[in-house]
Amino acid sequence: MGQCQRRKKNTSKNKQFQKIRKTKRRVKDIDEIVNDLKPENIIKLQNQKLDEDLPGLGQFYCVFCARYFINKDSLNTHYKSKEHKKQIKKANEPVYTISDSKKFGGQEG
């Protein structure tokens, strides 16, 4: 019989491929990050228990970017990066709420 066949260049129609591609590098949304910036949550995130599955055993965490780093040097380098500074700026903007959307949509809220 013939050799086994495989799909070729058919990823645009492959639903499983699309789902994996969308969720592979999923990061926290800005509203989740703003929630993590509350003082009680920052303390929990910066003083985590050792976790072997996370980079740097989960000890080096950037709250604004929701990222783990291998060591203190890489975390300090990240603090100087353009991505981190943009994320800080985005997190310090006022949060868009449901009452705002109702007010701007013309409904009383």
PDB file of N, CA and C in Angstrom:
ATOM      1  N   MET A   1       0.831  -1.183   0.000  1.00  0.00           N
ATOM      2  CA  MET A   1       0.000   0.000   0.000  1.00  0.00           C
ATOM      3  C   MET A   1       0.877   1.249   0.000  1.00  0.00           C
ATOM      4  N   GLY A   2       0.263   2.385  -0.081  1.00  0.00           N
ATOM      5  CA  GLY A   2       0.996   3.645  -0.135  1.00  0.00           C
ATOM      6  C   GLY A   2       1.479   4.095   1.229  1.00  0.00           C
ATOM      7  N   GLN A   3       2.236   5.148   1.225  1.00  0.00           N
ATOM      8  CA  GLN A   3       2.738   5.718   2.479  1.00  0.00           C
ATOM      9  C   GLN A   3       1.631   6.510   3.159  1.00  0.00           C
ATOM     10  N   CYS A   4       1.808   6.732   4.463  1.00  0.00           N
ATOM     11  CA  CYS A   4       0.781   7.506   5.163  1.00  0.00           C
ATOM     12  C   CYS A   4       0.829   8.952   4.685  1.00  0.00           C
ATOM     13  N   GLN A   5      -0.335   9.537   4.581  1.00  0.00           N
ATOM     14  CA  GLN A   5      -0.436  10.891   4.051  1.00  0.00           C
ATOM     15  C   GLN A   5      -0.557  11.885   5.197  1.00  0.00           C
ATOM     16  N   ARG A   6      -0.119  13.093   4.972  1.00  0.00           N
ATOM     17  CA  ARG A   6      -0.237  14.125   5.989  1.00  0.00           C
ATOM     18  C   ARG A   6      -0.792  15.399   5.354  1.00  0.00           C
ATOM     19  N   ARG A   7      -1.300  16.256   6.200  1.00  0.00           N
ATOM     20  CA  ARG A   7      -1.826  17.516   5.703  1.00  0.00           C
ATOM     21  C   ARG A   7      -0.682  18.410   5.261  1.00  0.00           C
ATOM     22  N   LYS A   8      -0.854  19.091   4.179  1.00  0.00           N
ATOM     23  CA  LYS A   8       0.174  20.012   3.703  1.00  0.00           C
ATOM     24  C   LYS A   8      -0.432  21.392   3.534  1.00  0.00           C
ATOM     25  N   LYS A   9       0.151  22.353   4.219  1.00  0.00           N
ATOM     26  CA  LYS A   9      -0.225  23.772   4.076  1.00  0.00           C
ATOM     27  C   LYS A   9      -1.724  23.981   4.207  1.00  0.00           C
ATOM     28  N   ASN A  10      -2.311  23.322   5.168  1.00  0.00           N
ATOM     29  CA  ASN A  10      -3.757  23.413   5.349  1.00  0.00           C
ATOM     30  C   ASN A  10      -4.067  23.941   6.745  1.00  0.00           C
ATOM     31  N   THR A  11      -3.163  24.731   7.322  1.00  0.00           N
ATOM     32  CA  THR A  11      -3.348  25.173   8.694  1.00  0.00           C
ATOM     33  C   THR A  11      -4.426  26.247   8.826  1.00  0.00           C
ATOM     34  N   SER A  12      -4.757  26.929   7.747  1.00  0.00           N
ATOM     35  CA  SER A  12      -5.775  27.971   7.849  1.00  0.00           C
ATOM     36  C   SER A  12      -7.160  27.386   8.121  1.00  0.00           C
ATOM     37  N   LYS A  13      -7.389  26.168   7.705  1.00  0.00           N
ATOM     38  CA  LYS A  13      -8.681  25.522   7.920  1.00  0.00           C
ATOM     39  C   LYS A  13      -8.670  24.589   9.129  1.00  0.00           C
ATOM     40  N   ASN A  14      -7.507  24.358   9.696  1.00  0.00           N
ATOM     41  CA  ASN A  14      -7.357  23.422  10.802  1.00  0.00           C
ATOM     42  C   ASN A  14      -7.720  24.116  12.120  1.00  0.00           C
ATOM     43  N   LYS A  15      -8.866  23.797  12.698  1.00  0.00           N
ATOM     44  CA  LYS A  15      -9.351  24.473  13.897  1.00  0.00           C
ATOM     45  C   LYS A  15      -8.464  24.213  15.107  1.00  0.00           C
ATOM     46  N   GLN A  16      -7.930  23.015  15.217  1.00  0.00           N
ATOM     47  CA  GLN A  16      -7.069  22.701  16.360  1.00  0.00           C
ATOM     48  C   GLN A  16      -5.802  23.536  16.317  1.00  0.00           C
ATOM     49  N   PHE A  17      -5.231  23.723  15.140  1.00  0.00           N
ATOM     50  CA  PHE A  17      -4.030  24.538  14.994  1.00  0.00           C
ATOM     51  C   PHE A  17      -4.312  25.982  15.397  1.00  0.00           C
ATOM     52  N   GLN A  18      -5.459  26.506  14.972  1.00  0.00           N
ATOM     53  CA  GLN A  18      -5.809  27.896  15.287  1.00  0.00           C
ATOM     54  C   GLN A  18      -5.973  28.097  16.791  1.00  0.00           C
ATOM     55  N   LYS A  19      -6.615  27.134  17.460  1.00  0.00           N
ATOM     56  CA  LYS A  19      -6.841  27.246  18.903  1.00  0.00           C
ATOM     57  C   LYS A  19      -5.518  27.219  19.656  1.00  0.00           C
ATOM     58  N   ILE A  20      -4.609  26.339  19.255  1.00  0.00           N
ATOM     59  CA  ILE A  20      -3.306  26.256  19.904  1.00  0.00           C
ATOM     60  C   ILE A  20      -2.522  27.546  19.679  1.00  0.00           C
ATOM     61  N   ARG A  21      -2.587  28.074  18.478  1.00  0.00           N
ATOM     62  CA  ARG A  21      -1.832  29.279  18.141  1.00  0.00           C
ATOM     63  C   ARG A  21      -2.319  30.483  18.944  1.00  0.00           C
ATOM     64  N   LYS A  22      -3.624  30.568  19.189  1.00  0.00           N
ATOM     65  CA  LYS A  22      -4.179  31.696  19.933  1.00  0.00           C
ATOM     66  C   LYS A  22      -3.816  31.646  21.416  1.00  0.00           C
ATOM     67  N   THR A  23      -3.752  30.450  21.989  1.00  0.00           N
ATOM     68  CA  THR A  23      -3.586  30.333  23.436  1.00  0.00           C
ATOM     69  C   THR A  23      -2.176  29.935  23.862  1.00  0.00           C
ATOM     70  N   LYS A  24      -1.261  29.765  22.923  1.00  0.00           N
ATOM     71  CA  LYS A  24       0.065  29.280  23.271  1.00  0.00           C
ATOM     72  C   LYS A  24       0.823  30.278  24.145  1.00  0.00           C
ATOM     73  N   ARG A  25       0.840  31.531  23.754  1.00  0.00           N
ATOM     74  CA  ARG A  25       1.583  32.544  24.493  1.00  0.00           C
ATOM     75  C   ARG A  25       0.632  33.560  25.139  1.00  0.00           C
ATOM     76  N   ARG A  26      -0.412  33.078  25.730  1.00  0.00           N
ATOM     77  CA  ARG A  26      -1.426  33.928  26.351  1.00  0.00           C
ATOM     78  C   ARG A  26      -0.845  34.646  27.552  1.00  0.00           C
ATOM     79  N   VAL A  27      -1.037  35.945  27.626  1.00  0.00           N
ATOM     80  CA  VAL A  27      -0.582  36.736  28.762  1.00  0.00           C
ATOM     81  C   VAL A  27      -1.796  37.342  29.449  1.00  0.00           C
ATOM     82  N   LYS A  28      -1.584  37.850  30.636  1.00  0.00           N
ATOM     83  CA  LYS A  28      -2.686  38.463  31.373  1.00  0.00           C
ATOM     84  C   LYS A  28      -3.155  39.735  30.672  1.00  0.00           C
ATOM     85  N   ASP A  29      -4.457  39.981  30.741  1.00  0.00           N
ATOM     86  CA  ASP A  29      -5.008  41.218  30.216  1.00  0.00           C
ATOM     87  C   ASP A  29      -4.706  42.349  31.182  1.00  0.00           C
ATOM     88  N   ILE A  30      -4.867  43.585  30.715  1.00  0.00           N
ATOM     89  CA  ILE A  30      -4.485  44.750  31.511  1.00  0.00           C
ATOM     90  C   ILE A  30      -5.351  44.879  32.765  1.00  0.00           C
ATOM     91  N   ASP A  31      -6.625  44.477  32.709  1.00  0.00           N
ATOM     92  CA  ASP A  31      -7.467  44.566  33.898  1.00  0.00           C
ATOM     93  C   ASP A  31      -7.024  43.562  34.967  1.00  0.00           C
ATOM     94  N   GLU A  32      -6.515  42.408  34.563  1.00  0.00           N
ATOM     95  CA  GLU A  32      -5.989  41.441  35.528  1.00  0.00           C
ATOM     96  C   GLU A  32      -4.701  41.956  36.163  1.00  0.00           C
ATOM     97  N   ILE A  33      -3.879  42.644  35.371  1.00  0.00           N
ATOM     98  CA  ILE A  33      -2.634  43.217  35.899  1.00  0.00           C
ATOM     99  C   ILE A  33      -2.937  44.333  36.878  1.00  0.00           C
ATOM    100  N   VAL A  34      -3.920  45.180  36.562  1.00  0.00           N
ATOM    101  CA  VAL A  34      -4.301  46.270  37.477  1.00  0.00           C
ATOM    102  C   VAL A  34      -4.808  45.693  38.792  1.00  0.00           C
ATOM    103  N   ASN A  35      -5.518  44.583  38.736  1.00  0.00           N
ATOM    104  CA  ASN A  35      -5.985  43.908  39.953  1.00  0.00           C
ATOM    105  C   ASN A  35      -4.799  43.382  40.766  1.00  0.00           C
ATOM    106  N   ASP A  36      -3.761  42.892  40.079  1.00  0.00           N
ATOM    107  CA  ASP A  36      -2.568  42.405  40.773  1.00  0.00           C
ATOM    108  C   ASP A  36      -1.754  43.527  41.404  1.00  0.00           C
ATOM    109  N   LEU A  37      -1.969  44.767  40.987  1.00  0.00           N
ATOM    110  CA  LEU A  37      -1.203  45.897  41.512  1.00  0.00           C
ATOM    111  C   LEU A  37      -1.718  46.395  42.858  1.00  0.00           C
ATOM    112  N   LYS A  38      -2.800  45.830  43.345  1.00  0.00           N
ATOM    113  CA  LYS A  38      -3.266  46.190  44.688  1.00  0.00           C
ATOM    114  C   LYS A  38      -2.217  45.724  45.696  1.00  0.00           C
ATOM    115  N   PRO A  39      -2.009  46.488  46.783  1.00  0.00           N
ATOM    116  CA  PRO A  39      -0.909  46.175  47.719  1.00  0.00           C
ATOM    117  C   PRO A  39      -0.937  44.750  48.274  1.00  0.00           C
ATOM    118  N   GLU A  40      -2.107  44.224  48.597  1.00  0.00           N
ATOM    119  CA  GLU A  40      -2.159  42.873  49.167  1.00  0.00           C
ATOM    120  C   GLU A  40      -1.782  41.814  48.135  1.00  0.00           C
ATOM    121  N   ASN A  41      -2.088  42.068  46.866  1.00  0.00           N
ATOM    122  CA  ASN A  41      -1.743  41.106  45.821  1.00  0.00           C
ATOM    123  C   ASN A  41      -0.268  41.188  45.430  1.00  0.00           C
ATOM    124  N   ILE A  42       0.306  42.384  45.467  1.00  0.00           N
ATOM    125  CA  ILE A  42       1.729  42.535  45.130  1.00  0.00           C
ATOM    126  C   ILE A  42       2.584  41.753  46.117  1.00  0.00           C
ATOM    127  N   ILE A  43       2.256  41.821  47.385  1.00  0.00           N
ATOM    128  CA  ILE A  43       3.034  41.112  48.400  1.00  0.00           C
ATOM    129  C   ILE A  43       2.985  39.609  48.149  1.00  0.00           C
ATOM    130  N   LYS A  44       1.809  39.085  47.803  1.00  0.00           N
ATOM    131  CA  LYS A  44       1.682  37.653  47.527  1.00  0.00           C
ATOM    132  C   LYS A  44       2.506  37.247  46.308  1.00  0.00           C
ATOM    133  N   LEU A  45       2.477  38.069  45.252  1.00  0.00           N
ATOM    134  CA  LEU A  45       3.170  37.711  44.021  1.00  0.00           C
ATOM    135  C   LEU A  45       4.690  37.817  44.149  1.00  0.00           C
ATOM    136  N   GLN A  46       5.169  38.774  44.934  1.00  0.00           N
ATOM    137  CA  GLN A  46       6.611  38.941  45.055  1.00  0.00           C
ATOM    138  C   GLN A  46       7.230  37.977  46.064  1.00  0.00           C
ATOM    139  N   ASN A  47       6.448  37.433  46.972  1.00  0.00           N
ATOM    140  CA  ASN A  47       6.957  36.483  47.968  1.00  0.00           C
ATOM    141  C   ASN A  47       6.311  35.113  47.773  1.00  0.00           C
ATOM    142  N   GLN A  48       6.530  34.525  46.617  1.00  0.00           N
ATOM    143  CA  GLN A  48       5.932  33.231  46.312  1.00  0.00           C
ATOM    144  C   GLN A  48       6.799  32.096  46.837  1.00  0.00           C
ATOM    145  N   LYS A  49       6.167  30.957  47.036  1.00  0.00           N
ATOM    146  CA  LYS A  49       6.899  29.756  47.431  1.00  0.00           C
ATOM    147  C   LYS A  49       7.705  29.252  46.241  1.00  0.00           C
ATOM    148  N   LEU A  50       8.707  28.432  46.511  1.00  0.00           N
ATOM    149  CA  LEU A  50       9.523  27.855  45.445  1.00  0.00           C
ATOM    150  C   LEU A  50       8.671  26.922  44.589  1.00  0.00           C
ATOM    151  N   ASP A  51       8.738  27.109  43.286  1.00  0.00           N
ATOM    152  CA  ASP A  51       7.989  26.284  42.345  1.00  0.00           C
ATOM    153  C   ASP A  51       8.928  25.832  41.233  1.00  0.00           C
ATOM    154  N   GLU A  52       9.149  24.539  41.124  1.00  0.00           N
ATOM    155  CA  GLU A  52      10.108  24.007  40.160  1.00  0.00           C
ATOM    156  C   GLU A  52       9.669  24.198  38.709  1.00  0.00           C
ATOM    157  N   ASP A  53       8.380  24.404  38.478  1.00  0.00           N
ATOM    158  CA  ASP A  53       7.883  24.535  37.115  1.00  0.00           C
ATOM    159  C   ASP A  53       8.104  25.927  36.536  1.00  0.00           C
ATOM    160  N   LEU A  54       8.357  26.925  37.370  1.00  0.00           N
ATOM    161  CA  LEU A  54       8.509  28.302  36.917  1.00  0.00           C
ATOM    162  C   LEU A  54       9.985  28.660  36.757  1.00  0.00           C
ATOM    163  N   PRO A  55      10.298  29.592  35.853  1.00  0.00           N
ATOM    164  CA  PRO A  55      11.685  30.034  35.717  1.00  0.00           C
ATOM    165  C   PRO A  55      12.173  30.696  36.996  1.00  0.00           C
ATOM    166  N   GLY A  56      13.395  30.403  37.394  1.00  0.00           N
ATOM    167  CA  GLY A  56      13.956  30.987  38.613  1.00  0.00           C
ATOM    168  C   GLY A  56      13.225  30.538  39.859  1.00  0.00           C
ATOM    169  N   LEU A  57      12.562  29.403  39.790  1.00  0.00           N
ATOM    170  CA  LEU A  57      11.766  28.844  40.896  1.00  0.00           C
ATOM    171  C   LEU A  57      10.655  29.788  41.356  1.00  0.00           C
ATOM    172  N   GLY A  58      10.238  30.711  40.486  1.00  0.00           N
ATOM    173  CA  GLY A  58       9.133  31.620  40.787  1.00  0.00           C
ATOM    174  C   GLY A  58       9.502  32.768  41.700  1.00  0.00           C
ATOM    175  N   GLN A  59      10.797  33.048  41.865  1.00  0.00           N
ATOM    176  CA  GLN A  59      11.225  34.078  42.809  1.00  0.00           C
ATOM    177  C   GLN A  59      11.415  35.448  42.157  1.00  0.00           C
ATOM    178  N   PHE A  60      11.568  35.503  40.853  1.00  0.00           N
ATOM    179  CA  PHE A  60      11.834  36.760  40.155  1.00  0.00           C
ATOM    180  C   PHE A  60      10.662  37.043  39.222  1.00  0.00           C
ATOM    181  N   TYR A  61       9.734  37.895  39.667  1.00  0.00           N
ATOM    182  CA  TYR A  61       8.468  38.126  38.970  1.00  0.00           C
ATOM    183  C   TYR A  61       8.259  39.615  38.757  1.00  0.00           C
ATOM    184  N   CYS A  62       7.895  39.997  37.543  1.00  0.00           N
ATOM    185  CA  CYS A  62       7.537  41.387  37.238  1.00  0.00           C
ATOM    186  C   CYS A  62       6.014  41.479  37.279  1.00  0.00           C
ATOM    187  N   VAL A  63       5.489  42.256  38.203  1.00  0.00           N
ATOM    188  CA  VAL A  63       4.034  42.351  38.393  1.00  0.00           C
ATOM    189  C   VAL A  63       3.379  43.082  37.232  1.00  0.00           C
ATOM    190  N   PHE A  64       4.032  44.116  36.704  1.00  0.00           N
ATOM    191  CA  PHE A  64       3.437  44.893  35.619  1.00  0.00           C
ATOM    192  C   PHE A  64       3.304  44.083  34.331  1.00  0.00           C
ATOM    193  N   CYS A  65       4.275  43.235  34.056  1.00  0.00           N
ATOM    194  CA  CYS A  65       4.275  42.466  32.807  1.00  0.00           C
ATOM    195  C   CYS A  65       3.788  41.034  32.992  1.00  0.00           C
ATOM    196  N   ALA A  66       3.602  40.600  34.240  1.00  0.00           N
ATOM    197  CA  ALA A  66       3.160  39.237  34.567  1.00  0.00           C
ATOM    198  C   ALA A  66       4.103  38.209  33.953  1.00  0.00           C
ATOM    199  N   ARG A  67       5.414  38.394  34.186  1.00  0.00           N
ATOM    200  CA  ARG A  67       6.426  37.496  33.640  1.00  0.00           C
ATOM    201  C   ARG A  67       7.388  37.060  34.738  1.00  0.00           C
ATOM    202  N   TYR A  68       7.856  35.817  34.609  1.00  0.00           N
ATOM    203  CA  TYR A  68       8.867  35.276  35.510  1.00  0.00           C
ATOM    204  C   TYR A  68      10.228  35.326  34.819  1.00  0.00           C
ATOM    205  N   PHE A  69      11.294  35.514  35.607  1.00  0.00           N
ATOM    206  CA  PHE A  69      12.641  35.577  35.068  1.00  0.00           C
ATOM    207  C   PHE A  69      13.545  34.600  35.785  1.00  0.00           C
ATOM    208  N   ILE A  70      14.654  34.263  35.122  1.00  0.00           N
ATOM    209  CA  ILE A  70      15.569  33.244  35.629  1.00  0.00           C
ATOM    210  C   ILE A  70      16.330  33.720  36.854  1.00  0.00           C
ATOM    211  N   ASN A  71      16.820  34.960  36.807  1.00  0.00           N
ATOM    212  CA  ASN A  71      17.613  35.464  37.923  1.00  0.00           C
ATOM    213  C   ASN A  71      17.394  36.964  38.098  1.00  0.00           C
ATOM    214  N   LYS A  72      18.028  37.520  39.105  1.00  0.00           N
ATOM    215  CA  LYS A  72      17.860  38.935  39.442  1.00  0.00           C
ATOM    216  C   LYS A  72      18.411  39.841  38.346  1.00  0.00           C
ATOM    217  N   ASP A  73      19.516  39.432  37.716  1.00  0.00           N
ATOM    218  CA  ASP A  73      20.111  40.253  36.657  1.00  0.00           C
ATOM    219  C   ASP A  73      19.178  40.406  35.463  1.00  0.00           C
ATOM    220  N   SER A  74      18.549  39.322  35.053  1.00  0.00           N
ATOM    221  CA  SER A  74      17.625  39.409  33.922  1.00  0.00           C
ATOM    222  C   SER A  74      16.387  40.226  34.284  1.00  0.00           C
ATOM    223  N   LEU A  75      15.966  40.158  35.529  1.00  0.00           N
ATOM    224  CA  LEU A  75      14.830  40.974  35.976  1.00  0.00           C
ATOM    225  C   LEU A  75      15.195  42.452  35.950  1.00  0.00           C
ATOM    226  N   ASN A  76      16.404  42.797  36.423  1.00  0.00           N
ATOM    227  CA  ASN A  76      16.849  44.197  36.400  1.00  0.00           C
ATOM    228  C   ASN A  76      17.005  44.711  34.972  1.00  0.00           C
ATOM    229  N   THR A  77      17.482  43.870  34.069  1.00  0.00           N
ATOM    230  CA  THR A  77      17.579  44.248  32.659  1.00  0.00           C
ATOM    231  C   THR A  77      16.189  44.485  32.081  1.00  0.00           C
ATOM    232  N   HIS A  78      15.248  43.667  32.471  1.00  0.00           N
ATOM    233  CA  HIS A  78      13.866  43.823  32.005  1.00  0.00           C
ATOM    234  C   HIS A  78      13.270  45.146  32.482  1.00  0.00           C
ATOM    235  N   TYR A  79      13.589  45.545  33.713  1.00  0.00           N
ATOM    236  CA  TYR A  79      13.065  46.809  34.242  1.00  0.00           C
ATOM    237  C   TYR A  79      13.500  48.000  33.394  1.00  0.00           C
ATOM    238  N   LYS A  80      14.621  47.904  32.711  1.00  0.00           N
ATOM    239  CA  LYS A  80      15.125  48.995  31.882  1.00  0.00           C
ATOM    240  C   LYS A  80      14.602  48.938  30.452  1.00  0.00           C
ATOM    241  N   SER A  81      13.885  47.878  30.099  1.00  0.00           N
ATOM    242  CA  SER A  81      13.464  47.674  28.709  1.00  0.00           C
ATOM    243  C   SER A  81      12.275  48.557  28.331  1.00  0.00           C
ATOM    244  N   LYS A  82      12.109  48.729  27.041  1.00  0.00           N
ATOM    245  CA  LYS A  82      11.013  49.533  26.499  1.00  0.00           C
ATOM    246  C   LYS A  82       9.658  48.857  26.744  1.00  0.00           C
ATOM    247  N   GLU A  83       9.617  47.525  26.639  1.00  0.00           N
ATOM    248  CA  GLU A  83       8.361  46.795  26.858  1.00  0.00           C
ATOM    249  C   GLU A  83       7.826  47.034  28.265  1.00  0.00           C
ATOM    250  N   HIS A  84       8.717  46.984  29.260  1.00  0.00           N
ATOM    251  CA  HIS A  84       8.312  47.171  30.652  1.00  0.00           C
ATOM    252  C   HIS A  84       7.789  48.587  30.874  1.00  0.00           C
ATOM    253  N   LYS A  85       8.473  49.558  30.308  1.00  0.00           N
ATOM    254  CA  LYS A  85       8.048  50.954  30.482  1.00  0.00           C
ATOM    255  C   LYS A  85       6.703  51.217  29.834  1.00  0.00           C
ATOM    256  N   LYS A  86       6.453  50.604  28.672  1.00  0.00           N
ATOM    257  CA  LYS A  86       5.142  50.737  28.020  1.00  0.00           C
ATOM    258  C   LYS A  86       4.042  50.106  28.872  1.00  0.00           C
ATOM    259  N   GLN A  87       4.359  48.961  29.469  1.00  0.00           N
ATOM    260  CA  GLN A  87       3.377  48.258  30.294  1.00  0.00           C
ATOM    261  C   GLN A  87       3.038  49.064  31.546  1.00  0.00           C
ATOM    262  N   ILE A  88       4.019  49.707  32.147  1.00  0.00           N
ATOM    263  CA  ILE A  88       3.771  50.561  33.313  1.00  0.00           C
ATOM    264  C   ILE A  88       2.851  51.712  32.932  1.00  0.00           C
ATOM    265  N   LYS A  89       3.119  52.322  31.786  1.00  0.00           N
ATOM    266  CA  LYS A  89       2.301  53.441  31.314  1.00  0.00           C
ATOM    267  C   LYS A  89       0.855  52.999  31.074  1.00  0.00           C
ATOM    268  N   LYS A  90       0.702  51.810  30.484  1.00  0.00           N
ATOM    269  CA  LYS A  90      -0.633  51.280  30.198  1.00  0.00           C
ATOM    270  C   LYS A  90      -1.375  50.934  31.492  1.00  0.00           C
ATOM    271  N   ALA A  91      -0.662  50.428  32.487  1.00  0.00           N
ATOM    272  CA  ALA A  91      -1.295  50.033  33.748  1.00  0.00           C
ATOM    273  C   ALA A  91      -1.701  51.241  34.584  1.00  0.00           C
ATOM    274  N   ASN A  92      -1.035  52.377  34.398  1.00  0.00           N
ATOM    275  CA  ASN A  92      -1.343  53.575  35.184  1.00  0.00           C
ATOM    276  C   ASN A  92      -2.478  54.399  34.593  1.00  0.00           C
ATOM    277  N   GLU A  93      -2.954  54.049  33.402  1.00  0.00           N
ATOM    278  CA  GLU A  93      -4.104  54.738  32.818  1.00  0.00           C
ATOM    279  C   GLU A  93      -5.365  54.348  33.580  1.00  0.00           C
ATOM    280  N   PRO A  94      -6.375  55.222  33.600  1.00  0.00           N
ATOM    281  CA  PRO A  94      -7.617  54.860  34.299  1.00  0.00           C
ATOM    282  C   PRO A  94      -8.288  53.659  33.642  1.00  0.00           C
ATOM    283  N   VAL A  95      -8.883  52.817  34.476  1.00  0.00           N
ATOM    284  CA  VAL A  95      -9.501  51.586  34.011  1.00  0.00           C
ATOM    285  C   VAL A  95     -10.875  51.899  33.430  1.00  0.00           C
ATOM    286  N   TYR A  96     -11.180  51.317  32.292  1.00  0.00           N
ATOM    287  CA  TYR A  96     -12.467  51.479  31.628  1.00  0.00           C
ATOM    288  C   TYR A  96     -13.462  50.511  32.253  1.00  0.00           C
ATOM    289  N   THR A  97     -14.556  51.028  32.818  1.00  0.00           N
ATOM    290  CA  THR A  97     -15.509  50.187  33.534  1.00  0.00           C
ATOM    291  C   THR A  97     -16.835  50.078  32.787  1.00  0.00           C
ATOM    292  N   ILE A  98     -17.721  49.236  33.298  1.00  0.00           N
ATOM    293  CA  ILE A  98     -19.038  49.041  32.691  1.00  0.00           C
ATOM    294  C   ILE A  98     -19.870  50.317  32.808  1.00  0.00           C
ATOM    295  N   SER A  99     -19.764  51.015  33.938  1.00  0.00           N
ATOM    296  CA  SER A  99     -20.528  52.265  34.092  1.00  0.00           C
ATOM    297  C   SER A  99     -20.058  53.312  33.088  1.00  0.00           C
ATOM    298  N   ASP A 100     -18.767  53.339  32.775  1.00  0.00           N
ATOM    299  CA  ASP A 100     -18.262  54.254  31.743  1.00  0.00           C
ATOM    300  C   ASP A 100     -18.857  53.923  30.384  1.00  0.00           C
ATOM    301  N   SER A 101     -18.933  52.635  30.068  1.00  0.00           N
ATOM    302  CA  SER A 101     -19.464  52.246  28.765  1.00  0.00           C
ATOM    303  C   SER A 101     -20.938  52.601  28.642  1.00  0.00           C
ATOM    304  N   LYS A 102     -21.687  52.461  29.728  1.00  0.00           N
ATOM    305  CA  LYS A 102     -23.101  52.843  29.709  1.00  0.00           C
ATOM    306  C   LYS A 102     -23.254  54.351  29.552  1.00  0.00           C
ATOM    307  N   LYS A 103     -22.403  55.114  30.238  1.00  0.00           N
ATOM    308  CA  LYS A 103     -22.470  56.571  30.164  1.00  0.00           C
ATOM    309  C   LYS A 103     -22.157  57.051  28.758  1.00  0.00           C
ATOM    310  N   PHE A 104     -21.126  56.490  28.136  1.00  0.00           N
ATOM    311  CA  PHE A 104     -20.745  56.913  26.794  1.00  0.00           C
ATOM    312  C   PHE A 104     -21.683  56.359  25.724  1.00  0.00           C
ATOM    313  N   GLY A 105     -22.388  55.280  26.048  1.00  0.00           N
ATOM    314  CA  GLY A 105     -23.336  54.688  25.112  1.00  0.00           C
ATOM    315  C   GLY A 105     -24.681  55.379  25.095  1.00  0.00           C
ATOM    316  N   GLY A 106     -24.904  56.324  26.020  1.00  0.00           N
ATOM    317  CA  GLY A 106     -26.140  57.069  26.044  1.00  0.00           C
ATOM    318  C   GLY A 106     -27.155  56.544  27.049  1.00  0.00           C
ATOM    319  N   GLN A 107     -26.830  55.457  27.746  1.00  0.00           N
ATOM    320  CA  GLN A 107     -27.744  54.930  28.744  1.00  0.00           C
ATOM    321  C   GLN A 107     -27.405  55.546  30.095  1.00  0.00           C
ATOM    322  N   GLU A 108     -28.415  55.644  30.905  1.00  0.00           N
ATOM    323  CA  GLU A 108     -28.203  56.124  32.281  1.00  0.00           C
ATOM    324  C   GLU A 108     -27.655  54.972  33.094  1.00  0.00           C
ATOM    325  N   GLY A 109     -26.662  55.206  33.929  1.00  0.00           N
ATOM    326  CA  GLY A 109     -26.090  54.101  34.675  1.00  0.00           C
ATOM    327  C   GLY A 109     -25.775  54.526  36.020  1.00  0.00           C
TER     328      GLY A 109
END
